[in-house]
N, C-alpha and C. Protein backbone atom coordinates (compact mmCIF):
# COMPACT_ATOMS: atom_id res chain seq x y z
N MET A 1 0.84 -1.18 0.00
CA MET A 1 0.00 0.00 0.00
C MET A 1 0.89 1.24 0.00
N ALA A 2 0.55 2.22 -0.83
CA ALA A 2 1.35 3.45 -0.93
C ALA A 2 1.05 4.36 0.25
N VAL A 3 2.09 4.77 0.92
CA VAL A 3 1.97 5.68 2.06
C VAL A 3 2.90 6.86 1.82
N PRO A 4 2.40 8.10 1.94
CA PRO A 4 3.26 9.25 1.71
C PRO A 4 4.34 9.36 2.78
N LYS A 5 5.54 9.79 2.37
CA LYS A 5 6.66 9.93 3.31
C LYS A 5 6.45 11.13 4.23
N SER A 6 5.85 12.19 3.69
CA SER A 6 5.64 13.39 4.51
C SER A 6 4.30 14.01 4.17
N LYS A 7 3.83 14.88 5.07
CA LYS A 7 2.53 15.52 4.89
C LYS A 7 2.61 16.58 3.79
N ILE A 8 1.58 16.63 2.97
CA ILE A 8 1.46 17.68 1.96
C ILE A 8 0.61 18.79 2.57
N SER A 9 1.17 19.99 2.64
CA SER A 9 0.46 21.10 3.27
C SER A 9 -0.75 21.51 2.44
N ARG A 10 -1.66 22.25 3.07
CA ARG A 10 -2.86 22.70 2.37
C ARG A 10 -2.48 23.63 1.21
N SER A 11 -1.45 24.42 1.42
CA SER A 11 -1.01 25.35 0.38
C SER A 11 -0.48 24.59 -0.84
N ARG A 12 0.38 23.63 -0.62
CA ARG A 12 0.96 22.87 -1.73
C ARG A 12 -0.12 22.05 -2.44
N ARG A 13 -1.04 21.48 -1.69
CA ARG A 13 -2.14 20.73 -2.29
C ARG A 13 -2.99 21.65 -3.15
N GLY A 14 -3.26 22.84 -2.65
CA GLY A 14 -4.07 23.80 -3.41
C GLY A 14 -3.38 24.27 -4.67
N MET A 15 -2.06 24.48 -4.60
CA MET A 15 -1.31 24.89 -5.79
C MET A 15 -1.35 23.81 -6.86
N ARG A 16 -1.31 22.56 -6.46
CA ARG A 16 -1.38 21.47 -7.42
C ARG A 16 -2.76 21.41 -8.07
N ARG A 17 -3.79 21.64 -7.27
CA ARG A 17 -5.15 21.55 -7.79
C ARG A 17 -5.58 22.79 -8.57
N ALA A 18 -4.80 23.85 -8.50
CA ALA A 18 -5.18 25.10 -9.17
C ALA A 18 -5.27 24.94 -10.68
N THR A 19 -4.49 24.02 -11.24
CA THR A 19 -4.50 23.84 -12.69
C THR A 19 -5.63 22.92 -13.16
N ASP A 20 -6.38 22.33 -12.24
CA ASP A 20 -7.45 21.42 -12.62
C ASP A 20 -8.76 22.14 -12.95
N ALA A 21 -8.83 23.46 -12.70
CA ALA A 21 -10.07 24.18 -12.91
C ALA A 21 -10.40 24.26 -14.39
N LEU A 22 -11.69 24.20 -14.72
CA LEU A 22 -12.13 24.35 -16.10
C LEU A 22 -12.07 25.82 -16.48
N LYS A 23 -11.56 26.09 -17.67
CA LYS A 23 -11.46 27.46 -18.15
C LYS A 23 -12.42 27.66 -19.31
N ALA A 24 -12.92 28.87 -19.44
CA ALA A 24 -13.84 29.17 -20.54
C ALA A 24 -13.08 29.14 -21.85
N PRO A 25 -13.67 28.59 -22.91
CA PRO A 25 -12.96 28.54 -24.20
C PRO A 25 -12.76 29.95 -24.74
N SER A 26 -11.61 30.19 -25.37
CA SER A 26 -11.31 31.50 -25.91
C SER A 26 -11.73 31.57 -27.37
N TYR A 27 -12.13 32.75 -27.79
CA TYR A 27 -12.54 32.99 -29.16
C TYR A 27 -11.83 34.22 -29.67
N VAL A 28 -11.54 34.24 -30.96
CA VAL A 28 -10.96 35.40 -31.60
C VAL A 28 -11.87 35.82 -32.76
N GLU A 29 -11.80 37.09 -33.12
CA GLU A 29 -12.60 37.59 -34.22
C GLU A 29 -11.84 37.35 -35.52
N ASP A 30 -12.50 36.75 -36.49
CA ASP A 30 -11.87 36.45 -37.77
C ASP A 30 -11.62 37.76 -38.52
N LYS A 31 -10.43 37.88 -39.12
CA LYS A 31 -10.07 39.13 -39.80
C LYS A 31 -10.92 39.37 -41.04
N ASN A 32 -11.25 38.31 -41.77
CA ASN A 32 -11.98 38.47 -43.03
C ASN A 32 -13.48 38.61 -42.82
N SER A 33 -14.08 37.66 -42.10
CA SER A 33 -15.53 37.64 -41.98
C SER A 33 -16.05 38.35 -40.73
N GLY A 34 -15.21 38.56 -39.73
CA GLY A 34 -15.67 39.20 -38.50
C GLY A 34 -16.38 38.25 -37.56
N GLU A 35 -16.48 36.97 -37.93
CA GLU A 35 -17.13 35.97 -37.08
C GLU A 35 -16.19 35.54 -35.96
N LEU A 36 -16.76 35.07 -34.86
CA LEU A 36 -15.95 34.53 -33.78
C LEU A 36 -15.61 33.09 -34.10
N ARG A 37 -14.36 32.72 -33.85
CA ARG A 37 -13.93 31.34 -34.05
C ARG A 37 -12.85 31.02 -33.03
N ARG A 38 -12.58 29.72 -32.85
CA ARG A 38 -11.53 29.30 -31.92
C ARG A 38 -10.17 29.57 -32.54
N PRO A 39 -9.17 29.96 -31.74
CA PRO A 39 -7.85 30.15 -32.31
C PRO A 39 -7.26 28.82 -32.80
N HIS A 40 -6.50 28.86 -33.86
CA HIS A 40 -5.86 27.70 -34.48
C HIS A 40 -6.86 26.69 -35.00
N HIS A 41 -8.05 27.13 -35.38
CA HIS A 41 -9.07 26.26 -35.95
C HIS A 41 -9.50 26.83 -37.30
N ILE A 42 -10.03 25.97 -38.15
CA ILE A 42 -10.52 26.39 -39.46
C ILE A 42 -11.83 27.14 -39.28
N ASP A 43 -12.00 28.23 -40.04
CA ASP A 43 -13.27 28.94 -40.08
C ASP A 43 -14.22 28.14 -40.96
N LEU A 44 -15.23 27.51 -40.39
CA LEU A 44 -16.08 26.60 -41.14
C LEU A 44 -17.00 27.32 -42.12
N LYS A 45 -17.28 28.61 -41.91
CA LYS A 45 -18.16 29.32 -42.83
C LYS A 45 -17.46 29.65 -44.14
N THR A 46 -16.15 29.97 -44.05
CA THR A 46 -15.41 30.33 -45.26
C THR A 46 -14.44 29.25 -45.70
N GLY A 47 -14.04 28.35 -44.81
CA GLY A 47 -13.09 27.31 -45.14
C GLY A 47 -11.65 27.78 -45.15
N MET A 48 -11.37 28.93 -44.55
CA MET A 48 -10.03 29.51 -44.55
C MET A 48 -9.29 29.14 -43.26
N TYR A 49 -7.97 28.98 -43.40
CA TYR A 49 -7.10 28.78 -42.24
C TYR A 49 -5.77 29.46 -42.54
N ARG A 50 -5.39 30.39 -41.74
CA ARG A 50 -4.15 31.15 -41.88
C ARG A 50 -4.00 31.75 -43.27
N GLY A 51 -5.09 32.31 -43.79
CA GLY A 51 -5.05 32.99 -45.07
C GLY A 51 -5.12 32.09 -46.28
N ARG A 52 -5.28 30.78 -46.09
CA ARG A 52 -5.35 29.85 -47.21
C ARG A 52 -6.71 29.19 -47.24
N GLN A 53 -7.18 28.84 -48.43
CA GLN A 53 -8.43 28.10 -48.58
C GLN A 53 -8.13 26.63 -48.34
N VAL A 54 -8.68 26.07 -47.26
CA VAL A 54 -8.41 24.69 -46.88
C VAL A 54 -9.58 23.78 -47.22
N LEU A 55 -10.79 24.25 -46.99
CA LEU A 55 -11.98 23.46 -47.25
C LEU A 55 -12.82 24.13 -48.33
N THR A 56 -13.54 23.31 -49.10
CA THR A 56 -14.51 23.88 -50.02
C THR A 56 -15.83 23.99 -49.27
N VAL A 57 -16.43 25.15 -49.39
CA VAL A 57 -17.67 25.43 -48.66
C VAL A 57 -18.85 24.91 -49.47
N LYS A 58 -19.72 24.14 -48.79
CA LYS A 58 -20.92 23.62 -49.46
C LYS A 58 -21.96 24.71 -49.53
N GLU A 59 -22.66 24.78 -50.66
CA GLU A 59 -23.74 25.75 -50.84
C GLU A 59 -24.99 25.23 -50.14
N ASN A 60 -25.75 26.13 -49.52
CA ASN A 60 -27.01 25.72 -48.90
C ASN A 60 -28.04 25.41 -49.97
N ALA A 61 -28.67 24.25 -49.86
CA ALA A 61 -29.63 23.83 -50.87
C ALA A 61 -31.03 24.18 -50.47
C-alpha cells in the first residue's frame, strides 16, 4: 500500500489543484468575416485557415 513519506500542506495541495479548474474557451474575431472562431481552428463558414483556402464550402440547398 502506498503511504506518503511526509505531509502535503494545504497550500501545496491547493497549488497542485489550481490547474485542474475548467477554463472558458477563448474565441478570436476572424479578420476576413468578422465571425468569432476558436484560435488555431478552421473557419467553417469560409473554409479559410491562416489565409489559405483549406476546405470547399458547401452551398445551402
